[in-house]
Amino acid sequence: LEIIAKGGGLPNSAMPAYADILTPDEVVAVLDYIKTFWGRQEREFQAQVTRQRSGE
């Protein structure tokens, strides 16, 4: 969410920031759309990261 809102964090990133254009709900909707293209491996990795961040 932060990368969509604030732009890419790397110096050579072409990802622009959208915080001044999209509402927080719209940023979430963009990420939800992107995730529809994820395969099993990406979904499993994201689930693992989420578990680690929540302390499980």
PDB file of N, CA and C in Angstrom:
ATOM      1  N   LEU A   1       0.821  -1.194   0.000  1.00  0.00           N
ATOM      2  CA  LEU A   1       0.000   0.000   0.000  1.00  0.00           C
ATOM      3  C   LEU A   1       0.863   1.255   0.000  1.00  0.00           C
ATOM      4  N   GLU A   2       1.934   1.218   0.768  1.00  0.00           N
ATOM      5  CA  GLU A   2       2.796   2.391   0.875  1.00  0.00           C
ATOM      6  C   GLU A   2       3.465   2.727  -0.457  1.00  0.00           C
ATOM      7  N   ILE A   3       3.865   1.716  -1.208  1.00  0.00           N
ATOM      8  CA  ILE A   3       4.508   1.976  -2.494  1.00  0.00           C
ATOM      9  C   ILE A   3       3.520   2.609  -3.464  1.00  0.00           C
ATOM     10  N   ILE A   4       2.273   2.160  -3.453  1.00  0.00           N
ATOM     11  CA  ILE A   4       1.266   2.768  -4.320  1.00  0.00           C
ATOM     12  C   ILE A   4       1.020   4.212  -3.897  1.00  0.00           C
ATOM     13  N   ALA A   5       0.900   4.442  -2.605  1.00  0.00           N
ATOM     14  CA  ALA A   5       0.602   5.783  -2.107  1.00  0.00           C
ATOM     15  C   ALA A   5       1.783   6.736  -2.255  1.00  0.00           C
ATOM     16  N   LYS A   6       2.993   6.264  -1.896  1.00  0.00           N
ATOM     17  CA  LYS A   6       4.155   7.160  -1.837  1.00  0.00           C
ATOM     18  C   LYS A   6       5.121   7.010  -3.004  1.00  0.00           C
ATOM     19  N   GLY A   7       4.900   6.009  -3.838  1.00  0.00           N
ATOM     20  CA  GLY A   7       5.797   5.779  -4.963  1.00  0.00           C
ATOM     21  C   GLY A   7       6.876   4.779  -4.610  1.00  0.00           C
ATOM     22  N   GLY A   8       7.637   4.399  -5.625  1.00  0.00           N
ATOM     23  CA  GLY A   8       8.705   3.422  -5.431  1.00  0.00           C
ATOM     24  C   GLY A   8       9.785   3.961  -4.520  1.00  0.00           C
ATOM     25  N   GLY A   9      10.326   3.113  -3.681  1.00  0.00           N
ATOM     26  CA  GLY A   9      11.328   3.546  -2.727  1.00  0.00           C
ATOM     27  C   GLY A   9      12.748   3.509  -3.250  1.00  0.00           C
ATOM     28  N   LEU A  10      12.958   2.866  -4.378  1.00  0.00           N
ATOM     29  CA  LEU A  10      14.303   2.760  -4.932  1.00  0.00           C
ATOM     30  C   LEU A  10      14.636   3.999  -5.760  1.00  0.00           C
ATOM     31  N   PRO A  11      15.909   4.397  -5.781  1.00  0.00           N
ATOM     32  CA  PRO A  11      16.301   5.608  -6.508  1.00  0.00           C
ATOM     33  C   PRO A  11      15.912   5.613  -7.984  1.00  0.00           C
ATOM     34  N   ASN A  12      15.995   4.487  -8.653  1.00  0.00           N
ATOM     35  CA  ASN A  12      15.693   4.430 -10.089  1.00  0.00           C
ATOM     36  C   ASN A  12      14.286   3.929 -10.383  1.00  0.00           C
ATOM     37  N   SER A  13      13.412   3.933  -9.390  1.00  0.00           N
ATOM     38  CA  SER A  13      12.058   3.427  -9.574  1.00  0.00           C
ATOM     39  C   SER A  13      11.225   4.404 -10.398  1.00  0.00           C
ATOM     40  N   ALA A  14      10.471   3.858 -11.324  1.00  0.00           N
ATOM     41  CA  ALA A  14       9.580   4.679 -12.139  1.00  0.00           C
ATOM     42  C   ALA A  14       8.177   4.749 -11.542  1.00  0.00           C
ATOM     43  N   MET A  15       7.966   4.090 -10.399  1.00  0.00           N
ATOM     44  CA  MET A  15       6.643   4.065  -9.768  1.00  0.00           C
ATOM     45  C   MET A  15       6.329   5.433  -9.170  1.00  0.00           C
ATOM     46  N   PRO A  16       5.317   6.125  -9.712  1.00  0.00           N
ATOM     47  CA  PRO A  16       4.950   7.428  -9.145  1.00  0.00           C
ATOM     48  C   PRO A  16       4.120   7.266  -7.878  1.00  0.00           C
ATOM     49  N   ALA A  17       3.990   8.340  -7.134  1.00  0.00           N
ATOM     50  CA  ALA A  17       3.146   8.354  -5.939  1.00  0.00           C
ATOM     51  C   ALA A  17       1.714   8.697  -6.345  1.00  0.00           C
ATOM     52  N   TYR A  18       0.746   8.092  -5.669  1.00  0.00           N
ATOM     53  CA  TYR A  18      -0.657   8.338  -5.971  1.00  0.00           C
ATOM     54  C   TYR A  18      -1.439   8.857  -4.772  1.00  0.00           C
ATOM     55  N   ALA A  19      -0.760   9.167  -3.669  1.00  0.00           N
ATOM     56  CA  ALA A  19      -1.455   9.608  -2.456  1.00  0.00           C
ATOM     57  C   ALA A  19      -2.253  10.887  -2.686  1.00  0.00           C
ATOM     58  N   ASP A  20      -1.783  11.752  -3.574  1.00  0.00           N
ATOM     59  CA  ASP A  20      -2.499  12.994  -3.851  1.00  0.00           C
ATOM     60  C   ASP A  20      -3.597  12.819  -4.888  1.00  0.00           C
ATOM     61  N   ILE A  21      -3.671  11.623  -5.482  1.00  0.00           N
ATOM     62  CA  ILE A  21      -4.642  11.359  -6.544  1.00  0.00           C
ATOM     63  C   ILE A  21      -5.728  10.397  -6.078  1.00  0.00           C
ATOM     64  N   LEU A  22      -5.328   9.348  -5.352  1.00  0.00           N
ATOM     65  CA  LEU A  22      -6.257   8.304  -4.917  1.00  0.00           C
ATOM     66  C   LEU A  22      -6.550   8.421  -3.427  1.00  0.00           C
ATOM     67  N   THR A  23      -7.761   8.072  -3.053  1.00  0.00           N
ATOM     68  CA  THR A  23      -8.108   7.991  -1.638  1.00  0.00           C
ATOM     69  C   THR A  23      -7.497   6.707  -1.073  1.00  0.00           C
ATOM     70  N   PRO A  24      -7.393   6.592   0.246  1.00  0.00           N
ATOM     71  CA  PRO A  24      -6.891   5.331   0.819  1.00  0.00           C
ATOM     72  C   PRO A  24      -7.695   4.112   0.354  1.00  0.00           C
ATOM     73  N   ASP A  25      -9.010   4.248   0.245  1.00  0.00           N
ATOM     74  CA  ASP A  25      -9.834   3.129  -0.228  1.00  0.00           C
ATOM     75  C   ASP A  25      -9.510   2.770  -1.679  1.00  0.00           C
ATOM     76  N   GLU A  26      -9.219   3.761  -2.497  1.00  0.00           N
ATOM     77  CA  GLU A  26      -8.861   3.498  -3.887  1.00  0.00           C
ATOM     78  C   GLU A  26      -7.497   2.821  -3.988  1.00  0.00           C
ATOM     79  N   VAL A  27      -6.564   3.179  -3.118  1.00  0.00           N
ATOM     80  CA  VAL A  27      -5.258   2.518  -3.090  1.00  0.00           C
ATOM     81  C   VAL A  27      -5.440   1.041  -2.754  1.00  0.00           C
ATOM     82  N   VAL A  28      -6.284   0.745  -1.783  1.00  0.00           N
ATOM     83  CA  VAL A  28      -6.579  -0.650  -1.421  1.00  0.00           C
ATOM     84  C   VAL A  28      -7.204  -1.372  -2.609  1.00  0.00           C
ATOM     85  N   ALA A  29      -8.108  -0.706  -3.319  1.00  0.00           N
ATOM     86  CA  ALA A  29      -8.752  -1.317  -4.481  1.00  0.00           C
ATOM     87  C   ALA A  29      -7.732  -1.631  -5.576  1.00  0.00           C
ATOM     88  N   VAL A  30      -6.761  -0.751  -5.790  1.00  0.00           N
ATOM     89  CA  VAL A  30      -5.706  -1.007  -6.777  1.00  0.00           C
ATOM     90  C   VAL A  30      -4.921  -2.254  -6.384  1.00  0.00           C
ATOM     91  N   LEU A  31      -4.540  -2.351  -5.119  1.00  0.00           N
ATOM     92  CA  LEU A  31      -3.791  -3.524  -4.671  1.00  0.00           C
ATOM     93  C   LEU A  31      -4.632  -4.793  -4.797  1.00  0.00           C
ATOM     94  N   ASP A  32      -5.898  -4.713  -4.444  1.00  0.00           N
ATOM     95  CA  ASP A  32      -6.780  -5.878  -4.597  1.00  0.00           C
ATOM     96  C   ASP A  32      -6.833  -6.325  -6.058  1.00  0.00           C
ATOM     97  N   TYR A  33      -6.880  -5.370  -6.976  1.00  0.00           N
ATOM     98  CA  TYR A  33      -6.894  -5.697  -8.403  1.00  0.00           C
ATOM     99  C   TYR A  33      -5.586  -6.370  -8.815  1.00  0.00           C
ATOM    100  N   ILE A  34      -4.469  -5.804  -8.404  1.00  0.00           N
ATOM    101  CA  ILE A  34      -3.163  -6.377  -8.746  1.00  0.00           C
ATOM    102  C   ILE A  34      -3.067  -7.811  -8.235  1.00  0.00           C
ATOM    103  N   LYS A  35      -3.571  -8.051  -7.031  1.00  0.00           N
ATOM    104  CA  LYS A  35      -3.487  -9.385  -6.431  1.00  0.00           C
ATOM    105  C   LYS A  35      -4.311 -10.426  -7.178  1.00  0.00           C
ATOM    106  N   THR A  36      -5.267 -10.008  -8.017  1.00  0.00           N
ATOM    107  CA  THR A  36      -6.035 -10.984  -8.797  1.00  0.00           C
ATOM    108  C   THR A  36      -5.158 -11.689  -9.826  1.00  0.00           C
ATOM    109  N   PHE A  37      -4.003 -11.114 -10.138  1.00  0.00           N
ATOM    110  CA  PHE A  37      -3.087 -11.708 -11.106  1.00  0.00           C
ATOM    111  C   PHE A  37      -2.019 -12.578 -10.453  1.00  0.00           C
ATOM    112  N   TRP A  38      -1.995 -12.627  -9.131  1.00  0.00           N
ATOM    113  CA  TRP A  38      -0.999 -13.415  -8.419  1.00  0.00           C
ATOM    114  C   TRP A  38      -1.298 -14.896  -8.558  1.00  0.00           C
ATOM    115  N   GLY A  39      -0.255 -15.669  -8.697  1.00  0.00           N
ATOM    116  CA  GLY A  39      -0.378 -17.117  -8.700  1.00  0.00           C
ATOM    117  C   GLY A  39      -0.277 -17.668  -7.282  1.00  0.00           C
ATOM    118  N   ARG A  40      -0.289 -18.975  -7.180  1.00  0.00           N
ATOM    119  CA  ARG A  40      -0.231 -19.641  -5.879  1.00  0.00           C
ATOM    120  C   ARG A  40       1.015 -19.249  -5.101  1.00  0.00           C
ATOM    121  N   GLN A  41       2.153 -19.210  -5.771  1.00  0.00           N
ATOM    122  CA  GLN A  41       3.415 -18.912  -5.100  1.00  0.00           C
ATOM    123  C   GLN A  41       3.397 -17.505  -4.482  1.00  0.00           C
ATOM    124  N   GLU A  42       2.885 -16.532  -5.199  1.00  0.00           N
ATOM    125  CA  GLU A  42       2.820 -15.168  -4.677  1.00  0.00           C
ATOM    126  C   GLU A  42       1.869 -15.072  -3.489  1.00  0.00           C
ATOM    127  N   ARG A  43       0.727 -15.753  -3.593  1.00  0.00           N
ATOM    128  CA  ARG A  43      -0.244 -15.725  -2.483  1.00  0.00           C
ATOM    129  C   ARG A  43       0.333 -16.379  -1.234  1.00  0.00           C
ATOM    130  N   GLU A  44       1.044 -17.506  -1.410  1.00  0.00           N
ATOM    131  CA  GLU A  44       1.659 -18.182  -0.267  1.00  0.00           C
ATOM    132  C   GLU A  44       2.741 -17.310   0.373  1.00  0.00           C
ATOM    133  N   PHE A  45       3.537 -16.649  -0.452  1.00  0.00           N
ATOM    134  CA  PHE A  45       4.574 -15.764   0.079  1.00  0.00           C
ATOM    135  C   PHE A  45       3.943 -14.617   0.862  1.00  0.00           C
ATOM    136  N   GLN A  46       2.901 -14.003   0.319  1.00  0.00           N
ATOM    137  CA  GLN A  46       2.242 -12.900   1.022  1.00  0.00           C
ATOM    138  C   GLN A  46       1.635 -13.375   2.336  1.00  0.00           C
ATOM    139  N   ALA A  47       1.062 -14.563   2.356  1.00  0.00           N
ATOM    140  CA  ALA A  47       0.511 -15.105   3.598  1.00  0.00           C
ATOM    141  C   ALA A  47       1.613 -15.303   4.635  1.00  0.00           C
ATOM    142  N   GLN A  48       2.772 -15.765   4.196  1.00  0.00           N
ATOM    143  CA  GLN A  48       3.910 -15.951   5.102  1.00  0.00           C
ATOM    144  C   GLN A  48       4.372 -14.610   5.669  1.00  0.00           C
ATOM    145  N   VAL A  49       4.490 -13.602   4.835  1.00  0.00           N
ATOM    146  CA  VAL A  49       4.906 -12.272   5.293  1.00  0.00           C
ATOM    147  C   VAL A  49       3.895 -11.713   6.284  1.00  0.00           C
ATOM    148  N   THR A  50       2.621 -11.879   5.991  1.00  0.00           N
ATOM    149  CA  THR A  50       1.567 -11.384   6.882  1.00  0.00           C
ATOM    150  C   THR A  50       1.649 -12.067   8.238  1.00  0.00           C
ATOM    151  N   ARG A  51       1.867 -13.394   8.239  1.00  0.00           N
ATOM    152  CA  ARG A  51       1.999 -14.122   9.508  1.00  0.00           C
ATOM    153  C   ARG A  51       3.201 -13.619  10.301  1.00  0.00           C
ATOM    154  N   GLN A  52       4.320 -13.420   9.633  1.00  0.00           N
ATOM    155  CA  GLN A  52       5.528 -12.943  10.315  1.00  0.00           C
ATOM    156  C   GLN A  52       5.315 -11.556  10.911  1.00  0.00           C
ATOM    157  N   ARG A  53       4.660 -10.695  10.191  1.00  0.00           N
ATOM    158  CA  ARG A  53       4.433  -9.330  10.682  1.00  0.00           C
ATOM    159  C   ARG A  53       3.447  -9.286  11.837  1.00  0.00           C
ATOM    160  N   SER A  54       2.549 -10.270  11.881  1.00  0.00           N
ATOM    161  CA  SER A  54       1.573 -10.290  12.974  1.00  0.00           C
ATOM    162  C   SER A  54       2.093 -11.063  14.183  1.00  0.00           C
ATOM    163  N   GLY A  55       3.297 -11.633  14.074  1.00  0.00           N
ATOM    164  CA  GLY A  55       3.907 -12.323  15.200  1.00  0.00           C
ATOM    165  C   GLY A  55       3.495 -13.761  15.365  1.00  0.00           C
ATOM    166  N   GLU A  56       2.873 -14.357  14.376  1.00  0.00           N
ATOM    167  CA  GLU A  56       2.458 -15.767  14.473  1.00  0.00           C
ATOM    168  C   GLU A  56       3.628 -16.688  14.268  1.00  0.00           C
TER     169      GLU A  56
END
